[in-house]
Amino acid sequence: MEDPFLNYFALGLLFFVVIVLVYGIIAIHDIPARIAKARHHPHEDAIHAAGWISLFLLHLLWPFLWIWAMMYQPERGWGFGHKPGEPTSPKEAVAELEELKHRLAAIEAKVGIDDRAAHVQEGRVGSEPPQEAVSAVDKVKVPATEAASAESRNTIAEALSKVGTGGR
């Protein structure tokens, strides 16, 4: 006679193996979502949803989800490197912007431009600067390389103004 204990043991072992395989497949398909969560990926939810869809598409999307999750780095974003001279964090970018605003205000004070907003309202922004500003700029001494670059900017500005006025 057959032993009923062995039949139940085999049935329990079969259920256990099936449950472990299903859980293992789901856990493996959840790896890209876990990577995205750990890296604070901006598309974390999309990667998680696509992982579930990949289960029903016979694992077709899974390698691409892994790549998508791995591409984003919290410290550098989507890029593969950081360009020299660019700020590495938003705080540095704000600090650099503030420094440039202060430098611009100092230059405007030296040149004699009192209120930029007034010039914008008068429509003088982009047009000829006031004569006192031009004379103040002429008095400033600059090295030869800066003078050459300023001269080339003036040439470009003149060409652009001719294009803007139709060459008149």
Protein backbone atom coordinates (compact mmCIF):
# COMPACT_ATOMS: atom_id res chain seq x y z
CA MET A 1 0.00 0.00 0.00
CA GLU A 2 0.98 3.53 -0.63
CA ASP A 3 1.96 5.74 2.24
CA PRO A 4 -0.31 8.83 2.40
CA PHE A 5 2.42 10.77 4.25
CA LEU A 6 4.73 10.66 1.21
CA ASN A 7 1.94 11.85 -1.07
CA TYR A 8 1.21 14.84 1.17
CA PHE A 9 4.93 15.56 1.60
CA ALA A 10 5.42 15.54 -2.21
CA LEU A 11 2.39 17.81 -2.66
CA GLY A 12 3.68 20.22 0.01
CA LEU A 13 7.14 20.22 -1.57
CA LEU A 14 5.58 20.95 -4.98
CA PHE A 15 3.63 23.93 -3.55
CA PHE A 16 6.74 25.17 -1.76
CA VAL A 17 8.84 25.05 -4.95
CA VAL A 18 6.15 26.80 -7.01
CA ILE A 19 5.74 29.54 -4.38
CA VAL A 20 9.52 30.06 -4.12
CA LEU A 21 9.84 30.25 -7.93
CA VAL A 22 7.00 32.78 -8.23
CA TYR A 23 8.40 34.88 -5.38
CA GLY A 24 11.91 34.64 -6.88
CA ILE A 25 10.70 35.82 -10.29
CA ILE A 26 8.84 38.74 -8.73
CA ALA A 27 11.85 39.64 -6.56
CA ILE A 28 14.17 39.54 -9.56
CA HIS A 29 11.82 41.72 -11.58
CA ASP A 30 11.71 44.21 -8.71
CA ILE A 31 15.49 44.79 -8.78
CA PRO A 32 15.35 47.77 -11.22
CA ALA A 33 12.63 49.40 -9.07
CA ARG A 34 14.78 48.96 -5.96
CA ILE A 35 17.77 50.47 -7.75
CA ALA A 36 15.62 53.41 -8.87
CA LYS A 37 14.35 53.93 -5.32
CA ALA A 38 17.85 53.82 -3.85
CA ARG A 39 19.09 56.39 -6.40
CA HIS A 40 16.04 58.68 -6.00
CA HIS A 41 15.32 58.22 -9.69
CA PRO A 42 12.80 60.75 -11.08
CA HIS A 43 10.99 57.92 -12.94
CA GLU A 44 10.91 55.45 -10.07
CA ASP A 45 7.17 54.74 -10.36
CA ALA A 46 7.36 54.21 -14.11
CA ILE A 47 10.21 51.74 -13.71
CA HIS A 48 8.25 49.84 -11.06
CA ALA A 49 5.10 49.67 -13.22
CA ALA A 50 7.10 48.61 -16.28
CA GLY A 51 8.66 45.83 -14.19
CA TRP A 52 5.20 44.38 -13.55
CA ILE A 53 4.31 44.73 -17.21
CA SER A 54 7.54 42.94 -18.08
CA LEU A 55 6.35 39.91 -16.10
CA PHE A 56 3.46 39.51 -18.53
CA LEU A 57 5.63 40.18 -21.61
CA LEU A 58 7.92 37.22 -20.90
CA HIS A 59 10.66 39.42 -19.41
CA LEU A 60 11.12 41.43 -22.60
CA LEU A 61 11.45 44.85 -20.90
CA TRP A 62 13.50 43.79 -17.89
CA PRO A 63 17.03 44.38 -19.28
CA PHE A 64 16.00 47.83 -20.50
CA LEU A 65 14.51 48.66 -17.10
CA TRP A 66 17.78 47.69 -15.46
CA ILE A 67 19.70 50.04 -17.80
CA TRP A 68 17.14 52.83 -17.27
CA ALA A 69 17.41 52.53 -13.49
CA MET A 70 21.22 52.43 -13.56
CA MET A 71 21.65 55.47 -15.83
CA TYR A 72 20.53 58.03 -13.27
CA GLN A 73 23.06 59.07 -10.63
CA PRO A 74 21.84 61.38 -7.84
CA GLU A 75 25.08 63.37 -7.69
CA ARG A 76 25.40 63.97 -11.44
CA GLY A 77 21.98 63.35 -12.97
CA TRP A 78 21.81 61.74 -16.40
CA GLY A 79 25.24 62.83 -17.62
CA PHE A 80 28.32 60.66 -17.70
CA GLY A 81 30.62 63.31 -16.30
CA HIS A 82 30.76 66.80 -14.94
CA LYS A 83 32.00 69.62 -17.11
CA PRO A 84 34.73 71.71 -15.53
CA GLY A 85 33.70 75.21 -14.57
CA GLU A 86 30.06 74.32 -13.99
CA PRO A 87 28.62 74.34 -10.48
CA THR A 88 28.30 70.87 -9.00
CA SER A 89 25.24 71.58 -6.86
CA PRO A 90 22.26 73.92 -6.89
CA LYS A 91 23.71 75.79 -3.88
CA GLU A 92 26.90 76.51 -5.82
CA ALA A 93 24.87 77.67 -8.82
CA VAL A 94 22.86 80.08 -6.67
CA ALA A 95 26.04 81.37 -5.00
CA GLU A 96 27.65 81.93 -8.41
CA LEU A 97 24.55 83.75 -9.65
CA GLU A 98 24.55 86.01 -6.58
CA GLU A 99 28.25 86.76 -7.06
CA LEU A 100 27.61 87.67 -10.70
CA LYS A 101 24.73 89.95 -9.67
CA HIS A 102 27.00 91.76 -7.20
CA ARG A 103 29.75 92.10 -9.80
CA LEU A 104 27.24 93.45 -12.34
CA ALA A 105 25.94 95.95 -9.79
CA ALA A 106 29.51 97.10 -9.08
CA ILE A 107 30.22 97.52 -12.78
CA GLU A 108 26.97 99.44 -13.27
CA ALA A 109 27.88 101.69 -10.35
CA LYS A 110 31.31 102.40 -11.91
CA VAL A 111 29.82 103.05 -15.32
CA GLY A 112 27.08 105.27 -13.95
CA ILE A 113 23.96 103.31 -14.73
CA ASP A 114 21.69 104.04 -11.78
CA ASP A 115 18.58 102.00 -12.33
CA ARG A 116 18.32 99.15 -14.79
CA ALA A 117 14.52 98.94 -14.41
CA ALA A 118 14.19 102.59 -15.49
CA HIS A 119 16.22 101.86 -18.61
CA VAL A 120 14.02 98.89 -19.41
CA GLN A 121 10.89 101.01 -19.08
CA GLU A 122 12.40 103.73 -21.26
CA GLY A 123 13.27 101.15 -23.89
CA ARG A 124 16.99 101.90 -23.68
CA VAL A 125 18.07 98.35 -22.93
CA GLY A 126 19.81 96.93 -25.99
CA SER A 127 20.08 100.36 -27.59
CA GLU A 128 22.89 102.87 -27.31
CA PRO A 129 24.13 103.42 -23.74
CA PRO A 130 24.00 106.91 -22.26
CA GLN A 131 26.93 109.14 -23.23
CA GLU A 132 28.23 109.37 -19.66
CA ALA A 133 28.40 105.57 -19.52
CA VAL A 134 30.38 105.45 -22.77
CA SER A 135 32.85 108.05 -21.51
CA ALA A 136 33.25 106.16 -18.23
CA VAL A 137 33.93 102.93 -20.10
CA ASP A 138 36.52 104.64 -22.29
CA LYS A 139 38.40 105.76 -19.17
CA VAL A 140 38.76 102.21 -17.83
CA LYS A 141 42.09 100.59 -18.71
CA VAL A 142 41.91 96.94 -19.77
CA PRO A 143 44.60 94.46 -20.82
CA ALA A 144 45.16 93.86 -24.55
CA THR A 145 43.37 90.49 -24.63
CA GLU A 146 40.27 91.90 -22.96
CA ALA A 147 40.33 94.87 -25.30
CA ALA A 148 40.50 92.55 -28.31
CA SER A 149 37.56 90.48 -27.07
CA ALA A 150 35.58 93.65 -26.33
CA GLU A 151 36.37 94.90 -29.83
CA SER A 152 35.11 91.64 -31.35
CA ARG A 153 31.93 91.87 -29.23
CA ASN A 154 31.38 95.41 -30.51
CA THR A 155 31.81 94.19 -34.09
CA ILE A 156 29.30 91.41 -33.49
CA ALA A 157 26.88 93.85 -31.83
CA GLU A 158 27.14 96.22 -34.80
CA ALA A 159 26.49 93.36 -37.22
CA LEU A 160 23.48 92.24 -35.21
CA SER A 161 22.10 95.76 -35.05
CA LYS A 162 22.42 96.05 -38.85
CA VAL A 163 20.58 92.74 -39.27
CA GLY A 164 17.89 93.89 -36.82
CA THR A 165 17.34 97.19 -38.69
CA GLY A 166 17.44 95.65 -42.14
CA GLY A 167 20.97 96.88 -42.94
CA ARG A 168 20.14 100.61 -42.72
